[in-house]
Amino acid sequence: RLALAMATAGHYLRQRLHSLLGTIELLTVAESPDRAADLARSAKAKIFRLANELEELALHAGCDSAPPLPLKHSFDVAPVLEQVQLDWCSEARAKSLGFKITHTVAMVESDPYLLAVIVNNIVANAVRYTHSGEVCVDCDSQDGHLVLEVRDTGPGIPDAVLHQTAVINSARSTNDGLGLGLAIIRQTADLLGCRFH
């Protein structure tokens, strides 16, 4: 579990940095002062959030009695989805993609950090590899379970990359870490007792 926790944290922070880089790139080509100011505020917020997450990770790494993952409890899933939307809306807008996340008042029993890792990785891949059309995150309740569905108009994931995801430390991943990201998502979902397909 420690290896998965470190891989998960590392990949999650990499996605955060990618989102921050995208915001900075948009800032350099902003067409109006208002747009530049909005992007600057977004970049600062992402930097502060990343700094807080790095501090939290360092604290957990230095704590011999850190509790094992996952840390499940009941929480409102809406803030998790809202944060994902904030992280990727600028990049989606820059590519002229429709980007929509369904609002929900559902409560879930899970680990909020690990759930955020799963959703953020899936949405990041959808936004990054969709070149036209839209990315949508739909929420539905089925038999007492929350179902999150990410839909996009991108090309889909090649079978070769899907087959690479069976083991996290397979020889090499392709598509800028897409294989590794999917492997982490699958193993994190298994750890939480979620179905991922």
Protein backbone atom coordinates (compact mmCIF):
# COMPACT_ATOMS: atom_id res chain seq x y z
CA ARG A 1 0.00 0.00 0.00
CA LEU A 2 2.89 2.37 0.65
CA ALA A 3 4.11 2.00 -2.95
CA LEU A 4 0.61 2.70 -4.28
CA ALA A 5 0.24 5.68 -1.93
CA MET A 6 3.52 7.19 -3.16
CA ALA A 7 2.68 6.51 -6.81
CA THR A 8 -0.78 7.99 -6.33
CA ALA A 9 0.53 11.12 -4.60
CA GLY A 10 3.25 11.62 -7.18
CA HIS A 11 0.93 11.27 -10.16
CA TYR A 12 -1.71 13.47 -8.53
CA LEU A 13 0.82 16.24 -7.92
CA ARG A 14 2.03 15.86 -11.51
CA GLN A 15 -1.53 16.47 -12.70
CA ARG A 16 -1.69 19.54 -10.45
CA LEU A 17 1.52 20.88 -11.99
CA HIS A 18 0.21 20.21 -15.49
CA SER A 19 -2.95 22.17 -14.70
CA LEU A 20 -0.86 25.03 -13.28
CA LEU A 21 1.38 25.05 -16.36
CA GLY A 22 -1.69 25.21 -18.60
CA THR A 23 -2.99 28.22 -16.68
CA ILE A 24 0.36 30.00 -16.96
CA GLU A 25 0.52 29.33 -20.70
CA LEU A 26 -2.97 30.79 -21.10
CA LEU A 27 -1.88 33.83 -19.07
CA THR A 28 0.92 34.57 -21.53
CA VAL A 29 -1.58 34.87 -24.42
CA ALA A 30 -4.50 36.47 -22.56
CA GLU A 31 -6.28 38.93 -24.84
CA SER A 32 -7.63 41.28 -22.17
CA PRO A 33 -6.54 42.61 -18.76
CA ASP A 34 -9.64 41.10 -17.11
CA ARG A 35 -8.88 37.66 -18.55
CA ALA A 36 -5.23 37.98 -17.47
CA ALA A 37 -6.31 38.93 -13.95
CA ASP A 38 -8.66 35.93 -13.73
CA LEU A 39 -5.92 33.57 -14.89
CA ALA A 40 -3.40 35.10 -12.48
CA ARG A 41 -5.80 34.55 -9.57
CA SER A 42 -6.36 30.97 -10.71
CA ALA A 43 -2.61 30.32 -10.95
CA LYS A 44 -2.00 31.73 -7.46
CA ALA A 45 -4.79 29.61 -6.00
CA LYS A 46 -3.32 26.49 -7.62
CA ILE A 47 0.16 27.31 -6.30
CA PHE A 48 -1.13 27.77 -2.74
CA ARG A 49 -3.18 24.55 -2.96
CA LEU A 50 -0.20 22.62 -4.32
CA ALA A 51 2.02 23.98 -1.52
CA ASN A 52 -0.52 22.90 1.09
CA GLU A 53 -0.76 19.42 -0.44
CA LEU A 54 3.04 19.07 -0.50
CA GLU A 55 3.20 20.09 3.18
CA GLU A 56 0.51 17.58 4.06
CA LEU A 57 2.31 14.84 2.12
CA ALA A 58 5.58 15.66 3.90
CA LEU A 59 3.85 15.50 7.30
CA HIS A 60 2.35 12.09 6.53
CA ALA A 61 5.68 10.81 5.20
CA GLY A 62 7.42 11.82 8.44
CA CYS A 63 4.79 10.33 10.72
CA ASP A 64 5.58 6.75 11.80
CA SER A 65 2.05 6.27 13.08
CA ALA A 66 0.29 7.56 9.95
CA PRO A 67 -3.01 5.71 9.50
CA PRO A 68 -3.23 3.26 6.59
CA LEU A 69 -5.01 4.18 3.39
CA PRO A 70 -7.84 4.58 2.68
CA LEU A 71 -9.31 6.96 5.29
CA LYS A 72 -13.00 6.46 4.62
CA HIS A 73 -15.74 8.64 6.04
CA SER A 74 -19.02 10.21 4.93
CA PHE A 75 -18.67 13.49 3.02
CA ASP A 76 -20.35 15.71 0.45
CA VAL A 77 -18.95 14.91 -3.00
CA ALA A 78 -19.84 18.33 -4.49
CA PRO A 79 -16.65 20.15 -3.33
CA VAL A 80 -14.49 17.42 -4.88
CA LEU A 81 -16.22 17.87 -8.24
CA GLU A 82 -16.16 21.67 -7.98
CA GLN A 83 -12.39 21.61 -7.44
CA VAL A 84 -11.91 19.36 -10.46
CA GLN A 85 -13.96 21.81 -12.54
CA LEU A 86 -11.86 24.75 -11.36
CA ASP A 87 -8.65 22.89 -12.15
CA TRP A 88 -9.54 22.09 -15.75
CA CYS A 89 -12.06 24.69 -16.95
CA SER A 90 -9.37 27.12 -18.22
CA GLU A 91 -7.63 24.48 -20.31
CA ALA A 92 -10.95 23.25 -21.71
CA ARG A 93 -11.96 26.82 -22.59
CA ALA A 94 -8.62 27.44 -24.31
CA LYS A 95 -9.31 24.44 -26.57
CA SER A 96 -12.89 25.65 -27.19
CA LEU A 97 -14.25 22.52 -25.51
CA GLY A 98 -17.59 22.36 -23.80
CA PHE A 99 -16.90 21.40 -20.18
CA LYS A 100 -19.70 20.53 -17.78
CA ILE A 101 -19.90 18.79 -14.42
CA THR A 102 -23.34 17.85 -13.14
CA HIS A 103 -24.07 19.30 -9.69
CA THR A 104 -25.05 16.83 -7.00
CA VAL A 105 -25.94 16.91 -3.31
CA ALA A 106 -24.96 13.26 -2.82
CA MET A 107 -23.06 12.09 0.23
CA VAL A 108 -20.56 9.26 -0.20
CA GLU A 109 -18.67 6.93 2.12
CA SER A 110 -15.12 6.98 0.79
CA ASP A 111 -11.71 8.64 1.05
CA PRO A 112 -12.06 12.20 -0.36
CA TYR A 113 -8.38 12.47 -1.31
CA LEU A 114 -8.30 9.18 -3.20
CA LEU A 115 -11.65 9.87 -4.85
CA ALA A 116 -10.29 13.23 -6.01
CA VAL A 117 -7.23 11.44 -7.44
CA ILE A 118 -9.46 9.16 -9.52
CA VAL A 119 -11.79 11.88 -10.84
CA ASN A 120 -8.98 14.37 -11.47
CA ASN A 121 -6.95 11.86 -13.47
CA ILE A 122 -9.89 10.80 -15.64
CA VAL A 123 -10.98 14.39 -16.33
CA ALA A 124 -7.38 15.46 -16.99
CA ASN A 125 -6.99 12.74 -19.63
CA ALA A 126 -10.35 13.63 -21.18
CA VAL A 127 -9.50 17.35 -21.46
CA ARG A 128 -5.95 16.73 -22.60
CA TYR A 129 -6.78 14.26 -25.38
CA THR A 130 -10.07 15.74 -26.61
CA HIS A 131 -9.38 18.19 -29.43
CA SER A 132 -12.94 19.25 -30.25
CA GLY A 133 -16.41 18.84 -28.84
CA GLU A 134 -16.96 18.47 -25.12
CA VAL A 135 -16.08 16.80 -21.83
CA CYS A 136 -18.92 16.06 -19.41
CA VAL A 137 -19.00 14.55 -15.92
CA ASP A 138 -22.43 13.13 -15.09
CA CYS A 139 -23.57 12.08 -11.62
CA ASP A 140 -26.32 9.56 -11.00
CA SER A 141 -27.55 7.43 -8.12
CA GLN A 142 -28.13 3.72 -8.71
CA ASP A 143 -29.12 1.26 -5.98
CA GLY A 144 -27.67 3.46 -3.25
CA HIS A 145 -24.38 4.02 -5.08
CA LEU A 146 -23.05 7.18 -6.71
CA VAL A 147 -22.15 6.67 -10.36
CA LEU A 148 -19.73 9.17 -11.91
CA GLU A 149 -19.46 9.02 -15.69
CA VAL A 150 -16.89 11.02 -17.67
CA ARG A 151 -17.87 11.39 -21.33
CA ASP A 152 -15.84 13.07 -24.05
CA THR A 153 -15.66 13.35 -27.81
CA GLY A 154 -11.97 12.42 -27.95
CA PRO A 155 -10.39 9.50 -29.83
CA GLY A 156 -10.56 7.05 -26.91
CA ILE A 157 -7.75 5.05 -25.33
CA PRO A 158 -5.75 2.68 -27.57
CA ASP A 159 -5.95 -1.02 -26.61
CA ALA A 160 -2.16 -1.14 -26.26
CA VAL A 161 -2.30 1.49 -23.51
CA LEU A 162 -5.23 -0.23 -21.78
CA HIS A 163 -3.28 -3.50 -21.69
CA GLN A 164 -0.31 -1.69 -20.16
CA THR A 165 -2.29 -0.71 -17.09
CA ALA A 166 -2.52 -4.13 -15.48
CA VAL A 167 0.60 -3.53 -13.37
CA ILE A 168 1.82 -0.13 -12.16
CA ASN A 169 5.50 -0.91 -12.66
CA SER A 170 5.24 -2.31 -16.15
CA ALA A 171 8.32 -1.62 -18.25
CA ARG A 172 7.27 1.67 -19.78
CA SER A 173 4.14 3.75 -20.22
CA THR A 174 3.21 5.73 -23.30
CA ASN A 175 1.21 8.83 -24.17
CA ASP A 176 2.85 11.09 -21.57
CA GLY A 177 2.02 8.90 -18.60
CA LEU A 178 -1.48 7.87 -19.67
CA GLY A 179 -0.70 4.19 -19.01
CA LEU A 180 0.67 4.88 -15.53
CA GLY A 181 -2.26 7.16 -14.72
CA LEU A 182 -4.81 4.50 -15.67
CA ALA A 183 -2.95 1.88 -13.63
CA ILE A 184 -3.06 4.16 -10.59
CA ILE A 185 -6.75 4.85 -11.15
CA ARG A 186 -7.55 1.12 -11.33
CA GLN A 187 -5.58 0.21 -8.22
CA THR A 188 -6.92 3.19 -6.27
CA ALA A 189 -10.48 2.25 -7.25
CA ASP A 190 -9.83 -1.33 -6.09
CA LEU A 191 -8.50 0.00 -2.78
CA LEU A 192 -11.70 2.02 -2.29
CA GLY A 193 -13.93 -0.86 -3.35
CA CYS A 194 -15.15 1.09 -6.41
CA ARG A 195 -15.82 -0.29 -9.85
CA PHE A 196 -13.90 1.41 -12.65
CA HIS A 197 -14.54 0.65 -16.32
